[in-house]
Structure formats: C-alpha cells, structure tokens
C-alpha atoms as a PDB file:
ATOM      1  CA  MET A   1      41.633  19.966  -7.940  1.00  0.00           C
ATOM      2  CA  THR A   2      43.856  22.936  -7.181  1.00  0.00           C
ATOM      3  CA  LYS A   3      47.542  22.608  -7.885  1.00  0.00           C
ATOM      4  CA  VAL A   4      49.962  24.236  -5.470  1.00  0.00           C
ATOM      5  CA  SER A   5      51.962  25.727  -8.305  1.00  0.00           C
ATOM      6  CA  GLY A   6      48.953  27.391  -9.961  1.00  0.00           C
ATOM      7  CA  ALA A   7      49.167  30.864 -11.437  1.00  0.00           C
ATOM      8  CA  ALA A   8      48.737  32.642  -8.105  1.00  0.00           C
ATOM      9  CA  GLY A   9      51.375  30.676  -6.194  1.00  0.00           C
ATOM     10  CA  GLY A  10      53.647  29.528  -9.005  1.00  0.00           C
ATOM     11  CA  GLY A  11      56.119  32.377  -8.655  1.00  0.00           C
ATOM     12  CA  LEU A  12      56.560  32.041  -4.901  1.00  0.00           C
ATOM     13  CA  TRP A  13      56.749  28.241  -4.976  1.00  0.00           C
ATOM     14  CA  ARG A  14      59.187  28.318  -7.871  1.00  0.00           C
ATOM     15  CA  ARG A  15      61.418  30.838  -6.126  1.00  0.00           C
ATOM     16  CA  LEU A  16      61.381  28.873  -2.856  1.00  0.00           C
ATOM     17  CA  ARG A  17      62.114  25.715  -4.780  1.00  0.00           C
ATOM     18  CA  HIS A  18      65.086  27.147  -6.625  1.00  0.00           C
ATOM     19  CA  GLU A  19      66.500  28.969  -3.612  1.00  0.00           C
ATOM     20  CA  PHE A  20      66.048  26.260  -0.980  1.00  0.00           C
ATOM     21  CA  VAL A  21      65.510  22.851  -2.570  1.00  0.00           C
ATOM     22  CA  THR A  22      69.066  22.074  -3.535  1.00  0.00           C
ATOM     23  CA  PRO A  23      71.239  19.007  -3.030  1.00  0.00           C
ATOM     24  CA  GLU A  24      73.351  21.104  -0.651  1.00  0.00           C
ATOM     25  CA  SER A  25      70.337  21.997   1.529  1.00  0.00           C
ATOM     26  CA  ILE A  26      69.218  18.391   1.717  1.00  0.00           C
ATOM     27  CA  TYR A  27      72.712  17.050   2.314  1.00  0.00           C
ATOM     28  CA  GLY A  28      73.460  19.787   4.846  1.00  0.00           C
ATOM     29  CA  THR A  29      70.287  19.001   6.789  1.00  0.00           C
ATOM     30  CA  ILE A  30      71.195  15.312   6.907  1.00  0.00           C
ATOM     31  CA  ILE A  31      74.773  16.088   7.990  1.00  0.00           C
ATOM     32  CA  VAL A  32      73.581  18.421  10.754  1.00  0.00           C
ATOM     33  CA  ALA A  33      71.068  15.899  12.133  1.00  0.00           C
ATOM     34  CA  ALA A  34      73.587  13.059  12.000  1.00  0.00           C
ATOM     35  CA  LEU A  35      76.202  15.201  13.748  1.00  0.00           C
ATOM     36  CA  ILE A  36      73.730  16.120  16.486  1.00  0.00           C
ATOM     37  CA  VAL A  37      73.002  12.425  17.077  1.00  0.00           C
ATOM     38  CA  LEU A  38      76.686  11.453  16.999  1.00  0.00           C
ATOM     39  CA  ILE A  39      77.950  14.304  19.176  1.00  0.00           C
ATOM     40  CA  GLU A  40      75.132  14.153  21.745  1.00  0.00           C
ATOM     41  CA  ASP A  41      76.752  11.744  24.207  1.00  0.00           C
ATOM     42  CA  GLY A  42      77.894  13.809  27.170  1.00  0.00           C
ATOM     43  CA  ASP A  43      78.436  17.053  25.287  1.00  0.00           C
ATOM     44  CA  THR A  44      76.715  20.257  26.268  1.00  0.00           C
ATOM     45  CA  ASP A  45      74.532  22.086  23.784  1.00  0.00           C
ATOM     46  CA  PHE A  46      77.258  24.719  23.478  1.00  0.00           C
ATOM     47  CA  ASP A  47      79.823  22.014  22.589  1.00  0.00           C
ATOM     48  CA  MET A  48      77.366  20.555  20.084  1.00  0.00           C
ATOM     49  CA  ILE A  49      76.765  23.979  18.508  1.00  0.00           C
ATOM     50  CA  ALA A  50      80.510  24.518  18.136  1.00  0.00           C
ATOM     51  CA  SER A  51      81.145  21.042  16.709  1.00  0.00           C
ATOM     52  CA  VAL A  52      78.231  21.171  14.267  1.00  0.00           C
ATOM     53  CA  SER A  53      79.071  24.718  13.145  1.00  0.00           C
ATOM     54  CA  ILE A  54      82.736  23.945  12.563  1.00  0.00           C
ATOM     55  CA  THR A  55      81.957  20.717  10.698  1.00  0.00           C
ATOM     56  CA  VAL A  56      79.346  22.372   8.470  1.00  0.00           C
ATOM     57  CA  PHE A  57      81.792  25.220   7.756  1.00  0.00           C
ATOM     58  CA  VAL A  58      84.512  22.721   6.759  1.00  0.00           C
ATOM     59  CA  PHE A  59      82.085  20.844   4.483  1.00  0.00           C
ATOM     60  CA  TRP A  60      81.000  24.164   2.957  1.00  0.00           C
ATOM     61  CA  ILE A  61      84.610  25.236   2.307  1.00  0.00           C
ATOM     62  CA  ALA A  62      85.344  21.836   0.751  1.00  0.00           C
ATOM     63  CA  HIS A  63      82.280  22.101  -1.477  1.00  0.00           C
ATOM     64  CA  VAL A  64      83.129  25.659  -2.555  1.00  0.00           C
ATOM     65  CA  PHE A  65      86.716  24.622  -3.275  1.00  0.00           C
ATOM     66  CA  ALA A  66      85.664  21.577  -5.312  1.00  0.00           C
ATOM     67  CA  ALA A  67      83.021  23.477  -7.286  1.00  0.00           C
ATOM     68  CA  THR A  68      85.435  26.351  -7.983  1.00  0.00           C
ATOM     69  CA  VAL A  69      88.150  24.045  -9.291  1.00  0.00           C
ATOM     70  CA  ALA A  70      85.634  22.046 -11.347  1.00  0.00           C
ATOM     71  CA  THR A  71      84.013  25.164 -12.859  1.00  0.00           C
ATOM     72  CA  HIS A  72      87.082  27.344 -13.500  1.00  0.00           C
ATOM     73  CA  GLY A  73      88.521  27.207 -17.002  1.00  0.00           C
ATOM     74  CA  LYS A  74      87.039  26.699 -20.412  1.00  0.00           C
ATOM     75  CA  ARG A  75      83.551  25.156 -20.636  1.00  0.00           C
ATOM     76  CA  ASN A  76      81.884  24.653 -24.004  1.00  0.00           C
ATOM     77  CA  GLY A  77      84.258  27.179 -25.546  1.00  0.00           C
ATOM     78  CA  VAL A  78      83.518  29.832 -22.899  1.00  0.00           C
ATOM     79  CA  GLU A  79      86.206  30.965 -20.466  1.00  0.00           C
ATOM     80  CA  ILE A  80      85.032  31.031 -16.831  1.00  0.00           C
ATOM     81  CA  PRO A  81      87.402  33.226 -14.799  1.00  0.00           C
ATOM     82  CA  LEU A  82      88.417  32.170 -11.304  1.00  0.00           C
ATOM     83  CA  GLY A  83      86.391  34.925  -9.614  1.00  0.00           C
ATOM     84  CA  GLU A  84      83.232  33.948 -11.487  1.00  0.00           C
ATOM     85  CA  ALA A  85      83.814  30.269 -10.721  1.00  0.00           C
ATOM     86  CA  LEU A  86      84.231  31.114  -7.030  1.00  0.00           C
ATOM     87  CA  ALA A  87      81.075  33.273  -6.992  1.00  0.00           C
ATOM     88  CA  ARG A  88      79.088  30.481  -8.654  1.00  0.00           C
ATOM     89  CA  ALA A  89      80.430  27.958  -6.157  1.00  0.00           C
ATOM     90  CA  VAL A  90      79.538  30.132  -3.159  1.00  0.00           C
ATOM     91  CA  ARG A  91      75.971  30.630  -4.462  1.00  0.00           C
ATOM     92  CA  HIS A  92      75.656  26.954  -5.312  1.00  0.00           C
ATOM     93  CA  ALA A  93      76.857  25.798  -1.875  1.00  0.00           C
ATOM     94  CA  ALA A  94      74.795  28.297   0.165  1.00  0.00           C
ATOM     95  CA  GLY A  95      72.205  25.677   1.127  1.00  0.00           C
ATOM     96  CA  LEU A  96      74.726  23.757   3.190  1.00  0.00           C
ATOM     97  CA  PRO A  97      75.339  26.361   5.924  1.00  0.00           C
ATOM     98  CA  VAL A  98      71.771  27.712   5.705  1.00  0.00           C
ATOM     99  CA  SER A  99      70.422  24.240   6.487  1.00  0.00           C
ATOM    100  CA  ALA A 100      72.191  24.338   9.858  1.00  0.00           C
ATOM    101  CA  ILE A 101      70.620  27.579  11.116  1.00  0.00           C
ATOM    102  CA  LEU A 102      67.337  26.272  12.545  1.00  0.00           C
ATOM    103  CA  PRO A 103      68.709  23.092  14.195  1.00  0.00           C
ATOM    104  CA  ILE A 104      71.565  25.092  15.705  1.00  0.00           C
ATOM    105  CA  GLY A 105      68.997  27.656  16.847  1.00  0.00           C
ATOM    106  CA  MET A 106      67.172  24.914  18.757  1.00  0.00           C
ATOM    107  CA  LEU A 107      70.438  23.861  20.410  1.00  0.00           C
ATOM    108  CA  ALA A 108      71.102  27.515  21.269  1.00  0.00           C
ATOM    109  CA  LEU A 109      67.806  27.639  23.168  1.00  0.00           C
ATOM    110  CA  GLY A 110      69.100  24.799  25.342  1.00  0.00           C
ATOM    111  CA  ALA A 111      72.595  26.269  25.674  1.00  0.00           C
ATOM    112  CA  SER A 112      71.114  29.578  26.842  1.00  0.00           C
ATOM    113  CA  GLY A 113      68.948  27.852  29.437  1.00  0.00           C
ATOM    114  CA  LEU A 114      65.677  28.946  27.838  1.00  0.00           C
ATOM    115  CA  ILE A 115      64.655  25.307  27.440  1.00  0.00           C
ATOM    116  CA  ASP A 116      65.922  22.003  28.806  1.00  0.00           C
ATOM    117  CA  ASP A 117      68.987  20.522  27.038  1.00  0.00           C
ATOM    118  CA  ASP A 118      67.158  17.274  26.228  1.00  0.00           C
ATOM    119  CA  LEU A 119      64.241  19.187  24.720  1.00  0.00           C
ATOM    120  CA  ALA A 120      66.667  21.307  22.661  1.00  0.00           C
ATOM    121  CA  TYR A 121      68.280  18.119  21.339  1.00  0.00           C
ATOM    122  CA  VAL A 122      64.916  16.606  20.344  1.00  0.00           C
ATOM    123  CA  LEU A 123      63.762  19.899  18.783  1.00  0.00           C
ATOM    124  CA  ALA A 124      66.986  20.185  16.768  1.00  0.00           C
ATOM    125  CA  LEU A 125      66.465  16.705  15.319  1.00  0.00           C
ATOM    126  CA  LEU A 126      62.749  17.274  14.758  1.00  0.00           C
ATOM    127  CA  THR A 127      63.549  20.569  13.021  1.00  0.00           C
ATOM    128  CA  SER A 128      65.909  18.742  10.659  1.00  0.00           C
ATOM    129  CA  VAL A 129      63.226  16.215   9.706  1.00  0.00           C
ATOM    130  CA  LEU A 130      60.674  19.035   9.280  1.00  0.00           C
ATOM    131  CA  ILE A 131      63.114  20.909   7.018  1.00  0.00           C
ATOM    132  CA  LEU A 132      63.464  17.801   4.852  1.00  0.00           C
ATOM    133  CA  THR A 133      59.672  17.465   4.801  1.00  0.00           C
ATOM    134  CA  GLY A 134      59.305  21.103   3.725  1.00  0.00           C
ATOM    135  CA  LEU A 135      61.934  20.683   1.027  1.00  0.00           C
ATOM    136  CA  GLY A 136      59.984  17.684  -0.264  1.00  0.00           C
ATOM    137  CA  VAL A 137      56.744  19.681  -0.350  1.00  0.00           C
ATOM    138  CA  LEU A 138      58.466  22.442  -2.322  1.00  0.00           C
ATOM    139  CA  ALA A 139      59.986  19.955  -4.758  1.00  0.00           C
ATOM    140  CA  PHE A 140      56.612  18.354  -5.474  1.00  0.00           C
ATOM    141  CA  ALA A 141      54.958  21.768  -5.796  1.00  0.00           C
ATOM    142  CA  GLU A 142      57.520  22.798  -8.402  1.00  0.00           C
ATOM    143  CA  ARG A 143      56.511  19.814 -10.474  1.00  0.00           C
ATOM    144  CA  GLY A 144      52.897  20.998 -10.447  1.00  0.00           C
ATOM    145  CA  ALA A 145      51.612  18.317  -8.070  1.00  0.00           C
ATOM    146  CA  LYS A 146      48.230  18.711  -6.405  1.00  0.00           C
ATOM    147  CA  TRP A 147      48.322  19.885  -2.788  1.00  0.00           C
ATOM    148  CA  TYR A 148      47.711  16.415  -1.324  1.00  0.00           C
ATOM    149  CA  SER A 149      50.492  14.945  -3.450  1.00  0.00           C
ATOM    150  CA  CYS A 150      52.783  17.688  -2.141  1.00  0.00           C
ATOM    151  CA  VAL A 151      51.898  16.751   1.449  1.00  0.00           C
ATOM    152  CA  VAL A 152      52.365  13.008   0.857  1.00  0.00           C
ATOM    153  CA  GLY A 153      55.590  13.638  -1.062  1.00  0.00           C
ATOM    154  CA  GLY A 154      56.844  15.921   1.699  1.00  0.00           C
ATOM    155  CA  LEU A 155      56.076  13.338   4.384  1.00  0.00           C
ATOM    156  CA  ALA A 156      57.796  10.648   2.334  1.00  0.00           C
ATOM    157  CA  THR A 157      60.828  12.917   1.900  1.00  0.00           C
ATOM    158  CA  GLY A 158      60.940  13.589   5.645  1.00  0.00           C
ATOM    159  CA  LEU A 159      60.715   9.877   6.479  1.00  0.00           C
ATOM    160  CA  LEU A 160      63.334   8.989   3.896  1.00  0.00           C
ATOM    161  CA  GLY A 161      65.532  11.743   5.312  1.00  0.00           C
ATOM    162  CA  LEU A 162      65.067  10.270   8.790  1.00  0.00           C
ATOM    163  CA  ALA A 163      66.093   6.849   7.458  1.00  0.00           C
ATOM    164  CA  VAL A 164      69.195   8.339   5.790  1.00  0.00           C
ATOM    165  CA  ILE A 165      70.112  10.173   9.013  1.00  0.00           C
ATOM    166  CA  MET A 166      69.841   6.913  10.952  1.00  0.00           C
ATOM    167  CA  LEU A 167      71.910   5.034   8.336  1.00  0.00           C
ATOM    168  CA  LYS A 168      74.584   7.720   8.504  1.00  0.00           C
ATOM    169  CA  VAL A 169      74.657   7.389  12.298  1.00  0.00           C
ATOM    170  CA  VAL A 170      74.757   3.568  12.258  1.00  0.00           C
ATOM    171  CA  LEU A 171      77.420   3.335   9.543  1.00  0.00           C
ATOM    172  CA  HIS A 172      79.575   6.196  10.828  1.00  0.00           C
END
C-alpha cells in the first residue's frame, strides 16, 4: 500500500507538518471555535470577529511573552540573547493567530452580508473542525502512515477536537 509520506510527497507533507501541525495551531483552533460558540448569543458577526480577534491576539502575546522569558538566558551553556529568544517565540507561536484566519473569514462573509449570519456561524465552526481534521491527517502522514490511516486519524482528531471544544464551552 502507498504511504502518504513516500518519496514523492515526503517533502511537502513534512513541511506542512512542521509549519502547521503545532500545539499552538491546535490550541488556537480550539480557542477560536469555543469563543465563537460562547460569544454567539445575540452578537453580530462583526462583534464576534472583533471579540475573537482580540482574544486570540491577547493569547498570542501571552504565549510570546512566556516563551521569550522561558527561552532567554543561558541554556545548556549557550547564551540566548533576548532578541533571539523573542524571534524564536514569535515563530513558535505563529500557529495561534494563523489558526483563526479561516474561521474569522467565514464570520466575515456573514458580517459583509454575502451569506446569512447563521450560515456564517455554522461555517466558522465547521471550518475549525475541518482544520483540526486536516492537522490530524498531516500528523499521521508525517509518521509514515498509509493513506487510509491518515484519513481515519484525521477524522478521529477532528472528532476529538469537537469534543474538546464542547468541553471548553460547557466548563467555561
């Protein structure tokens, strides 16, 4: 059986995996979906876009700050200057704001009147689950799984992500 990460596709899959399948991307996607569910009551799509964007930005700043402080200084006998620590933190945390782009784009379609607000809301949530599914597929592909294992693993990741989103909403 053909593996997704075979010689022809290994480079692309590996690059996608390392660029997009990060804890920050996964966490950011879950945060965005949970925020959309929590903010939805009575707010317009524009209000939701503003609230989600501001919250994701604050989480991103907090993550960059924490990673910079944790990385700066001497590690294993090597001095890591503040600027380098900050640059590493920004690169490391990039998945968090990037994960918000597509769901916010769906909300923007509703805010602009191109589609119905309710449809925009559903599409934003569906997009979040599909992102998690895609991240799962990429993660399994990186491990050299066969294509059908990648699909099953991706679906499982999407469903688990949906469960985590719902837990976050219920326990919030």
